[in-house]
């Protein structure tokens, strides 16, 4: 992957984040000319941040499970392909 290709992926990710601010974020957190976070105390912000970090951790575990399963499936396909190749020799 080139630096330009990586930059394109980063840009697409940021565009998706902005889309969420303008879509569901606007519905959930906009209070006219203020955002909900602007009215929260620092302690409330820290609590919310912790909740978000817990969610990130949970998603990381879920993705890890998917990666493990995918790795097992690929390994099984590679083994099966090797067995087919060895049988035809």
Protein backbone atom coordinates (compact mmCIF):
# COMPACT_ATOMS: atom_id res chain seq x y z
CA UNK A 1 0.00 0.00 0.00
CA UNK A 2 1.35 3.38 -0.91
CA UNK A 3 1.18 6.44 1.32
CA UNK A 4 -1.42 7.89 -1.04
CA UNK A 5 -3.58 4.76 -0.76
CA UNK A 6 -3.30 4.90 3.03
CA UNK A 7 -4.26 8.58 2.95
CA UNK A 8 -7.35 7.71 0.89
CA UNK A 9 -8.41 5.16 3.52
CA UNK A 10 -7.86 7.71 6.29
CA UNK A 11 -9.88 10.28 4.36
CA UNK A 12 -12.76 7.84 3.81
CA UNK A 13 -12.75 7.03 7.54
CA UNK A 14 -12.91 10.72 8.48
CA UNK A 15 -15.70 11.36 5.96
CA UNK A 16 -17.68 8.53 7.56
CA UNK A 17 -17.11 10.09 11.01
CA UNK A 18 -18.33 13.49 9.75
CA UNK A 19 -21.39 11.81 8.24
CA UNK A 20 -22.21 10.38 11.65
CA UNK A 21 -21.90 13.84 13.25
CA UNK A 22 -24.32 15.26 10.69
CA UNK A 23 -26.72 12.29 10.81
CA UNK A 24 -27.33 10.31 14.00
CA UNK A 25 -25.08 12.63 16.02
CA UNK A 26 -27.20 15.62 15.04
CA UNK A 27 -30.36 13.75 16.01
CA UNK A 28 -28.99 12.62 19.37
CA UNK A 29 -26.69 15.42 20.52
CA UNK A 30 -27.62 18.70 18.86
CA UNK A 31 -29.40 21.28 20.98
CA UNK A 32 -29.80 23.95 18.34
CA UNK A 33 -26.64 26.04 18.46
CA UNK A 34 -24.99 23.87 21.13
CA UNK A 35 -23.93 20.25 21.33
CA UNK A 36 -24.97 18.14 24.32
CA UNK A 37 -21.35 17.69 25.43
CA UNK A 38 -21.03 21.45 25.95
CA UNK A 39 -23.49 21.30 28.84
CA UNK A 40 -21.92 18.32 30.58
CA UNK A 41 -19.66 18.54 33.57
CA UNK A 42 -16.10 17.29 33.34
CA UNK A 43 -17.02 14.26 35.47
CA UNK A 44 -19.90 13.45 33.11
CA UNK A 45 -17.50 13.69 30.16
CA UNK A 46 -15.03 11.34 31.85
CA UNK A 47 -17.83 8.85 32.59
CA UNK A 48 -19.00 9.00 28.98
CA UNK A 49 -15.43 8.58 27.74
CA UNK A 50 -15.00 5.49 29.90
CA UNK A 51 -18.24 4.05 28.52
CA UNK A 52 -17.00 4.64 24.97
CA UNK A 53 -13.64 3.02 25.78
CA UNK A 54 -15.46 -0.02 27.18
CA UNK A 55 -17.40 -0.22 23.92
CA UNK A 56 -14.17 0.01 21.89
CA UNK A 57 -12.71 -2.82 23.98
CA UNK A 58 -15.81 -4.94 23.42
CA UNK A 59 -15.71 -4.32 19.67
CA UNK A 60 -12.00 -5.22 19.64
CA UNK A 61 -12.78 -8.55 21.30
CA UNK A 62 -15.62 -9.21 18.85
CA UNK A 63 -13.34 -8.44 15.90
CA UNK A 64 -10.64 -10.66 17.38
CA UNK A 65 -13.12 -13.54 17.54
CA UNK A 66 -14.02 -12.95 13.88
CA UNK A 67 -10.32 -12.86 12.91
CA UNK A 68 -9.64 -16.12 14.79
CA UNK A 69 -12.56 -17.83 13.05
CA UNK A 70 -11.53 -16.50 9.65
CA UNK A 71 -7.95 -17.63 10.24
CA UNK A 72 -9.20 -21.13 11.12
CA UNK A 73 -11.38 -21.25 8.00
CA UNK A 74 -8.51 -20.14 5.77
CA UNK A 75 -6.18 -22.68 7.36
CA UNK A 76 -8.76 -25.43 6.71
CA UNK A 77 -9.08 -24.38 3.05
CA UNK A 78 -5.29 -24.30 2.64
CA UNK A 79 -4.97 -27.76 4.23
CA UNK A 80 -7.73 -29.11 2.00
CA UNK A 81 -6.10 -27.59 -1.08
CA UNK A 82 -2.79 -29.17 -0.08
CA UNK A 83 -4.45 -32.54 0.34
CA UNK A 84 -6.04 -32.23 -3.11
CA UNK A 85 -2.70 -31.24 -4.63
CA UNK A 86 -0.89 -34.11 -2.92
CA UNK A 87 -3.58 -36.61 -3.97
CA UNK A 88 -3.35 -35.59 -7.63
CA UNK A 89 0.45 -35.96 -7.75
